């Protein structure tokens, strides 16, 4: 049997994760739009293994941003699939930000670091708290 505190805590983690997904997705969408509108805005200083064009990176960031925002709103509705998609999408965007390092190093590191608490908060679920209570 779960207590109100356990359910409230799980809802709080889900709410945090959903809000951060929406914010993170908004950031990605803005970066993607800027890359699509102005190819010269982002310039890599040196050669890198992931040598995509800025336009390709723009589409990657824009699509990732849309997926993150959509899954964030889906989590607010209590959709478990949205939570799963959110964890997968934010994990993939953390990897994409690693590949984006030559274009925006500080920004990429910040986005990778923001992904960690989002993955954690979406992975902690009320059912997990309930299992610990009854065990």
N, C-alpha and C. Protein backbone atom coordinates (compact mmCIF):
# COMPACT_ATOMS: atom_id res chain seq x y z
N UNK A 1 0.84 -1.18 0.00
CA UNK A 1 0.00 0.00 0.00
C UNK A 1 0.89 1.24 0.00
N UNK A 2 0.61 2.12 -0.91
CA UNK A 2 1.41 3.34 -0.98
C UNK A 2 0.79 4.43 -0.11
N UNK A 3 1.62 5.29 0.34
CA UNK A 3 1.14 6.43 1.11
C UNK A 3 0.99 7.62 0.19
N UNK A 4 0.30 8.63 0.68
CA UNK A 4 0.12 9.85 -0.12
C UNK A 4 1.47 10.47 -0.44
N UNK A 5 2.39 10.41 0.52
CA UNK A 5 3.72 11.00 0.31
C UNK A 5 4.44 10.32 -0.85
N UNK A 6 4.38 8.98 -0.90
CA UNK A 6 5.05 8.24 -1.97
C UNK A 6 4.47 8.62 -3.33
N UNK A 7 3.16 8.70 -3.44
CA UNK A 7 2.52 9.05 -4.70
C UNK A 7 2.83 10.49 -5.08
N UNK A 8 2.83 11.37 -4.09
CA UNK A 8 3.15 12.77 -4.34
C UNK A 8 4.59 12.92 -4.81
N UNK A 9 5.49 12.18 -4.21
CA UNK A 9 6.90 12.23 -4.59
C UNK A 9 7.08 11.74 -6.03
N UNK A 10 6.43 10.65 -6.38
CA UNK A 10 6.53 10.11 -7.74
C UNK A 10 5.95 11.10 -8.75
N UNK A 11 4.81 11.73 -8.40
CA UNK A 11 4.23 12.74 -9.29
C UNK A 11 5.15 13.94 -9.43
N UNK A 12 5.81 14.30 -8.36
CA UNK A 12 6.75 15.41 -8.41
C UNK A 12 7.92 15.13 -9.33
N UNK A 13 8.46 13.90 -9.27
CA UNK A 13 9.55 13.53 -10.18
C UNK A 13 9.08 13.56 -11.63
N UNK A 14 7.88 13.03 -11.88
CA UNK A 14 7.34 13.02 -13.24
C UNK A 14 7.10 14.45 -13.73
N UNK A 15 6.60 15.31 -12.86
CA UNK A 15 6.36 16.70 -13.24
C UNK A 15 7.68 17.40 -13.56
N UNK A 16 8.68 17.21 -12.72
CA UNK A 16 9.99 17.78 -12.99
C UNK A 16 10.53 17.31 -14.34
N UNK A 17 10.46 16.00 -14.57
CA UNK A 17 10.94 15.46 -15.84
C UNK A 17 10.20 16.02 -17.03
N UNK A 18 8.87 16.14 -16.91
CA UNK A 18 8.07 16.67 -18.02
C UNK A 18 8.41 18.12 -18.30
N UNK A 19 8.53 18.92 -17.27
CA UNK A 19 8.87 20.34 -17.46
C UNK A 19 10.26 20.48 -18.07
N UNK A 20 11.21 19.70 -17.59
CA UNK A 20 12.56 19.77 -18.14
C UNK A 20 12.60 19.28 -19.58
N UNK A 21 11.77 18.27 -19.92
CA UNK A 21 11.70 17.82 -21.32
C UNK A 21 11.20 18.94 -22.21
N UNK A 22 10.17 19.65 -21.76
CA UNK A 22 9.61 20.74 -22.54
C UNK A 22 10.63 21.86 -22.72
N UNK A 23 11.33 22.22 -21.64
CA UNK A 23 12.35 23.27 -21.72
C UNK A 23 13.51 22.82 -22.61
N UNK A 24 14.00 21.61 -22.39
CA UNK A 24 15.09 21.06 -23.18
C UNK A 24 14.70 20.98 -24.65
N UNK A 25 13.47 20.53 -24.91
CA UNK A 25 12.98 20.46 -26.28
C UNK A 25 12.87 21.83 -26.93
N UNK A 26 12.45 22.81 -26.15
CA UNK A 26 12.39 24.18 -26.67
C UNK A 26 13.76 24.70 -27.04
N UNK A 27 14.75 24.42 -26.19
CA UNK A 27 16.12 24.83 -26.50
C UNK A 27 16.60 24.17 -27.79
N UNK A 28 16.35 22.87 -27.91
CA UNK A 28 16.78 22.16 -29.11
C UNK A 28 16.09 22.71 -30.36
N UNK A 29 14.81 23.01 -30.25
CA UNK A 29 14.08 23.54 -31.39
C UNK A 29 14.65 24.91 -31.81
N UNK A 30 14.97 25.75 -30.84
CA UNK A 30 15.54 27.06 -31.15
C UNK A 30 16.90 26.90 -31.83
N UNK A 31 17.75 26.03 -31.30
CA UNK A 31 19.06 25.78 -31.91
C UNK A 31 18.88 25.27 -33.33
N UNK A 32 17.92 24.38 -33.52
CA UNK A 32 17.66 23.84 -34.85
C UNK A 32 17.17 24.90 -35.82
N UNK A 33 16.27 25.75 -35.37
CA UNK A 33 15.76 26.81 -36.24
C UNK A 33 16.86 27.80 -36.62
N UNK A 34 17.70 28.15 -35.65
CA UNK A 34 18.81 29.07 -35.94
C UNK A 34 19.74 28.45 -36.98
N UNK A 35 20.04 27.16 -36.83
CA UNK A 35 20.92 26.49 -37.78
C UNK A 35 20.30 26.42 -39.17
N UNK A 36 18.98 26.27 -39.24
CA UNK A 36 18.31 26.21 -40.54
C UNK A 36 18.21 27.58 -41.21
N UNK A 37 18.03 28.61 -40.40
CA UNK A 37 17.87 29.96 -40.96
C UNK A 37 19.21 30.56 -41.38
N UNK A 38 20.25 30.34 -40.57
CA UNK A 38 21.55 30.96 -40.84
C UNK A 38 22.65 29.90 -40.76
N UNK A 39 23.10 29.42 -41.91
CA UNK A 39 24.14 28.37 -41.96
C UNK A 39 25.48 28.83 -41.37
N UNK A 40 25.72 30.12 -41.34
CA UNK A 40 27.00 30.63 -40.86
C UNK A 40 27.01 30.94 -39.37
N UNK A 41 25.89 30.75 -38.68
CA UNK A 41 25.83 31.09 -37.27
C UNK A 41 26.68 30.13 -36.44
N UNK A 42 26.61 28.84 -36.75
CA UNK A 42 27.40 27.83 -36.04
C UNK A 42 28.55 27.40 -36.93
N UNK A 43 29.76 27.49 -36.40
CA UNK A 43 30.95 27.12 -37.16
C UNK A 43 31.83 26.25 -36.26
N UNK A 44 32.23 25.10 -36.78
CA UNK A 44 33.14 24.23 -36.03
C UNK A 44 34.56 24.76 -36.17
N UNK A 45 35.29 24.79 -35.07
CA UNK A 45 36.66 25.31 -35.07
C UNK A 45 37.65 24.34 -35.70
N UNK A 46 37.41 23.04 -35.55
CA UNK A 46 38.37 22.05 -36.04
C UNK A 46 37.63 20.86 -36.61
N UNK A 47 38.38 19.93 -37.18
CA UNK A 47 37.78 18.73 -37.75
C UNK A 47 37.21 17.86 -36.63
N UNK A 48 36.15 17.16 -36.94
CA UNK A 48 35.47 16.32 -35.95
C UNK A 48 34.97 15.09 -36.66
N UNK A 49 34.81 14.03 -35.94
CA UNK A 49 34.39 12.77 -36.55
C UNK A 49 32.99 12.86 -37.17
N UNK A 50 32.11 13.65 -36.56
CA UNK A 50 30.74 13.78 -37.04
C UNK A 50 30.65 15.04 -37.90
N UNK A 51 30.98 14.91 -39.16
CA UNK A 51 31.08 16.05 -40.05
C UNK A 51 29.78 16.21 -40.85
N UNK A 52 28.69 16.58 -40.15
CA UNK A 52 27.42 16.86 -40.81
C UNK A 52 27.39 18.34 -41.17
N UNK A 53 26.57 18.68 -42.13
CA UNK A 53 26.38 20.09 -42.45
C UNK A 53 25.57 20.75 -41.34
N UNK A 54 25.66 22.05 -41.25
CA UNK A 54 24.90 22.78 -40.24
C UNK A 54 23.40 22.61 -40.48
N UNK A 55 23.00 22.51 -41.72
CA UNK A 55 21.58 22.29 -42.04
C UNK A 55 21.11 20.94 -41.51
N UNK A 56 21.92 19.91 -41.67
CA UNK A 56 21.57 18.59 -41.14
C UNK A 56 21.44 18.65 -39.62
N UNK A 57 22.39 19.33 -38.97
CA UNK A 57 22.31 19.49 -37.52
C UNK A 57 21.06 20.27 -37.14
N UNK A 58 20.70 21.25 -37.94
CA UNK A 58 19.49 22.01 -37.66
C UNK A 58 18.26 21.12 -37.66
N UNK A 59 18.15 20.25 -38.65
CA UNK A 59 17.01 19.33 -38.69
C UNK A 59 17.03 18.34 -37.54
N UNK A 60 18.22 17.85 -37.20
CA UNK A 60 18.34 16.92 -36.07
C UNK A 60 17.85 17.58 -34.79
N UNK A 61 18.30 18.80 -34.53
CA UNK A 61 17.91 19.50 -33.31
C UNK A 61 16.42 19.87 -33.32
N UNK A 62 15.91 20.29 -34.46
CA UNK A 62 14.50 20.66 -34.55
C UNK A 62 13.59 19.46 -34.32
N UNK A 63 13.88 18.35 -34.96
CA UNK A 63 13.06 17.15 -34.79
C UNK A 63 13.17 16.62 -33.36
N UNK A 64 14.38 16.61 -32.81
CA UNK A 64 14.56 16.17 -31.42
C UNK A 64 13.78 17.07 -30.47
N UNK A 65 13.82 18.38 -30.72
CA UNK A 65 13.08 19.31 -29.87
C UNK A 65 11.59 19.06 -29.90
N UNK A 66 11.05 18.80 -31.08
CA UNK A 66 9.61 18.52 -31.19
C UNK A 66 9.25 17.24 -30.44
N UNK A 67 10.08 16.21 -30.58
CA UNK A 67 9.81 14.95 -29.87
C UNK A 67 9.88 15.15 -28.36
N UNK A 68 10.87 15.91 -27.89
CA UNK A 68 11.00 16.16 -26.45
C UNK A 68 9.80 16.92 -25.90
N UNK A 69 9.38 17.96 -26.61
CA UNK A 69 8.23 18.75 -26.15
C UNK A 69 6.96 17.89 -26.15
N UNK A 70 6.76 17.11 -27.20
CA UNK A 70 5.57 16.26 -27.27
C UNK A 70 5.55 15.22 -26.15
N UNK A 71 6.69 14.61 -25.87
CA UNK A 71 6.71 13.63 -24.79
C UNK A 71 6.55 14.29 -23.43
N UNK A 72 7.05 15.50 -23.28
CA UNK A 72 6.85 16.23 -22.02
C UNK A 72 5.38 16.48 -21.76
N UNK A 73 4.64 16.93 -22.79
CA UNK A 73 3.21 17.14 -22.62
C UNK A 73 2.48 15.81 -22.43
N UNK A 74 2.96 14.75 -23.07
CA UNK A 74 2.36 13.44 -22.89
C UNK A 74 2.50 12.92 -21.46
N UNK A 75 3.60 13.24 -20.83
CA UNK A 75 3.81 12.81 -19.44
C UNK A 75 2.80 13.48 -18.52
N UNK A 76 2.45 14.73 -18.80
CA UNK A 76 1.45 15.42 -17.99
C UNK A 76 0.10 14.71 -18.04
N UNK A 77 -0.18 14.02 -19.15
CA UNK A 77 -1.44 13.30 -19.25
C UNK A 77 -1.35 11.91 -18.61
N UNK A 78 -0.19 11.55 -18.10
CA UNK A 78 -0.03 10.26 -17.44
C UNK A 78 0.26 9.12 -18.39
N UNK A 79 0.67 9.43 -19.60
CA UNK A 79 0.93 8.42 -20.61
C UNK A 79 2.29 7.76 -20.34
N UNK A 80 2.27 6.45 -20.11
CA UNK A 80 3.50 5.72 -19.83
C UNK A 80 4.42 5.68 -21.06
N UNK A 81 3.82 5.56 -22.25
CA UNK A 81 4.62 5.56 -23.48
C UNK A 81 5.38 6.88 -23.63
N UNK A 82 4.75 7.99 -23.25
CA UNK A 82 5.42 9.29 -23.33
C UNK A 82 6.64 9.32 -22.40
N UNK A 83 6.53 8.67 -21.26
CA UNK A 83 7.66 8.59 -20.33
C UNK A 83 8.81 7.80 -20.95
N UNK A 84 8.47 6.68 -21.58
CA UNK A 84 9.48 5.84 -22.21
C UNK A 84 10.13 6.59 -23.38
N UNK A 85 9.31 7.21 -24.22
CA UNK A 85 9.83 8.00 -25.34
C UNK A 85 10.70 9.14 -24.81
N UNK A 86 10.28 9.76 -23.71
CA UNK A 86 11.06 10.84 -23.13
C UNK A 86 12.44 10.40 -22.69
N UNK A 87 12.52 9.26 -22.04
CA UNK A 87 13.82 8.75 -21.59
C UNK A 87 14.71 8.43 -22.79
N UNK A 88 14.14 7.77 -23.78
CA UNK A 88 14.92 7.42 -24.98
C UNK A 88 15.35 8.69 -25.72
N UNK A 89 14.41 9.63 -25.89
CA UNK A 89 14.71 10.85 -26.66
C UNK A 89 15.76 11.70 -25.95
N UNK A 90 15.64 11.87 -24.64
CA UNK A 90 16.62 12.71 -23.94
C UNK A 90 17.99 12.01 -23.90
N UNK A 91 18.00 10.69 -23.89
CA UNK A 91 19.28 9.97 -23.97
C UNK A 91 19.93 10.18 -25.33
N UNK A 92 19.12 10.10 -26.39
CA UNK A 92 19.66 10.31 -27.74
C UNK A 92 20.10 11.76 -27.94
N UNK A 93 19.37 12.71 -27.37
CA UNK A 93 19.79 14.10 -27.52
C UNK A 93 21.07 14.38 -26.73
N UNK A 94 21.29 13.66 -25.64
CA UNK A 94 22.56 13.81 -24.92
C UNK A 94 23.71 13.34 -25.82
N UNK A 95 23.49 12.24 -26.53
CA UNK A 95 24.51 11.77 -27.47
C UNK A 95 24.68 12.75 -28.63
N UNK A 96 23.59 13.29 -29.12
CA UNK A 96 23.67 14.28 -30.20
C UNK A 96 24.42 15.53 -29.74
N UNK A 97 24.19 15.92 -28.50
CA UNK A 97 24.91 17.08 -27.98
C UNK A 97 26.41 16.80 -27.85
N UNK A 98 26.76 15.56 -27.59
CA UNK A 98 28.18 15.21 -27.57
C UNK A 98 28.77 15.41 -28.96
N UNK A 99 28.04 14.99 -29.98
CA UNK A 99 28.51 15.17 -31.35
C UNK A 99 28.48 16.65 -31.76
N UNK A 100 27.66 17.46 -31.10
CA UNK A 100 27.51 18.89 -31.39
C UNK A 100 28.59 19.72 -30.71
N UNK A 101 29.45 19.08 -29.91
CA UNK A 101 30.49 19.78 -29.15
C UNK A 101 31.35 20.75 -29.95
N UNK A 102 31.78 20.43 -31.17
CA UNK A 102 32.64 21.38 -31.88
C UNK A 102 31.94 22.69 -32.24
N UNK A 103 30.63 22.65 -32.35
CA UNK A 103 29.89 23.85 -32.74
C UNK A 103 29.59 24.75 -31.54
N UNK A 104 29.17 24.16 -30.45
CA UNK A 104 28.82 24.91 -29.24
C UNK A 104 29.27 24.10 -28.02
N UNK A 105 30.53 24.15 -27.64
CA UNK A 105 31.04 23.28 -26.57
C UNK A 105 30.37 23.49 -25.21
N UNK A 106 30.30 24.72 -24.74
CA UNK A 106 29.72 24.98 -23.43
C UNK A 106 28.24 24.62 -23.41
N UNK A 107 27.54 25.01 -24.45
CA UNK A 107 26.11 24.72 -24.55
C UNK A 107 25.88 23.20 -24.56
N UNK A 108 26.67 22.48 -25.30
CA UNK A 108 26.51 21.02 -25.38
C UNK A 108 26.74 20.37 -24.03
N UNK A 109 27.75 20.82 -23.32
CA UNK A 109 28.03 20.25 -21.99
C UNK A 109 26.87 20.53 -21.04
N UNK A 110 26.33 21.75 -21.09
CA UNK A 110 25.19 22.09 -20.22
C UNK A 110 23.99 21.20 -20.55
N UNK A 111 23.72 21.01 -21.84
CA UNK A 111 22.57 20.19 -22.23
C UNK A 111 22.76 18.72 -21.84
N UNK A 112 23.99 18.23 -21.94
CA UNK A 112 24.26 16.86 -21.51
C UNK A 112 24.04 16.73 -20.01
N UNK A 113 24.53 17.70 -19.25
CA UNK A 113 24.36 17.67 -17.79
C UNK A 113 22.89 17.80 -17.38
N UNK A 114 22.11 18.56 -18.14
CA UNK A 114 20.67 18.67 -17.85
C UNK A 114 19.92 17.38 -18.18
N UNK A 115 20.47 16.58 -19.06
CA UNK A 115 19.80 15.33 -19.44
C UNK A 115 19.83 14.31 -18.31
N UNK A 116 20.87 14.34 -17.50
CA UNK A 116 21.03 13.33 -16.44
C UNK A 116 19.89 13.37 -15.42
N UNK A 117 19.54 14.52 -14.83
CA UNK A 117 18.42 14.50 -13.88
C UNK A 117 17.08 14.21 -14.54
N UNK A 118 16.95 14.55 -15.82
CA UNK A 118 15.69 14.25 -16.52
C UNK A 118 15.54 12.74 -16.68
N UNK A 119 16.60 12.07 -17.10
CA UNK A 119 16.55 10.61 -17.23
C UNK A 119 16.23 9.98 -15.88
N UNK A 120 16.88 10.47 -14.84
CA UNK A 120 16.64 9.93 -13.50
C UNK A 120 15.20 10.15 -13.06
N UNK A 121 14.69 11.37 -13.24
CA UNK A 121 13.34 11.67 -12.75
C UNK A 121 12.27 10.91 -13.52
N UNK A 122 12.50 10.65 -14.79
CA UNK A 122 11.52 9.89 -15.57
C UNK A 122 11.64 8.39 -15.32
N UNK A 123 12.78 7.96 -14.83
CA UNK A 123 12.97 6.54 -14.54
C UNK A 123 12.39 6.16 -13.18
N UNK A 124 12.35 7.11 -12.25
CA UNK A 124 11.75 6.86 -10.94
C UNK A 124 10.25 6.99 -11.11
N UNK A 125 9.54 5.95 -10.76
CA UNK A 125 8.10 5.92 -11.00
C UNK A 125 7.40 5.54 -9.71
N UNK A 126 6.15 5.90 -9.58
CA UNK A 126 5.37 5.58 -8.40
C UNK A 126 5.30 4.10 -8.11
N UNK A 127 5.30 3.27 -9.17
CA UNK A 127 5.28 1.82 -8.97
C UNK A 127 6.54 1.36 -8.25
N UNK A 128 7.67 1.98 -8.56
CA UNK A 128 8.91 1.61 -7.90
C UNK A 128 8.85 1.94 -6.41
N UNK A 129 8.26 3.08 -6.09
CA UNK A 129 8.12 3.45 -4.69
C UNK A 129 7.19 2.48 -3.98
N UNK A 130 6.12 2.08 -4.66
CA UNK A 130 5.16 1.14 -4.07
C UNK A 130 5.82 -0.21 -3.83
N UNK A 131 6.69 -0.67 -4.72
CA UNK A 131 7.36 -1.95 -4.55
C UNK A 131 8.25 -1.91 -3.31
N UNK A 132 8.94 -0.80 -3.10
CA UNK A 132 9.79 -0.69 -1.91
C UNK A 132 8.95 -0.68 -0.64
N UNK A 133 7.76 -0.08 -0.70
CA UNK A 133 6.90 -0.02 0.48
C UNK A 133 6.41 -1.41 0.90
N UNK A 134 6.00 -2.23 -0.07
CA UNK A 134 5.39 -3.50 0.25
C UNK A 134 6.41 -4.60 0.49
N UNK A 135 7.61 -4.41 -0.01
CA UNK A 135 8.63 -5.47 0.12
C UNK A 135 9.19 -5.55 1.51
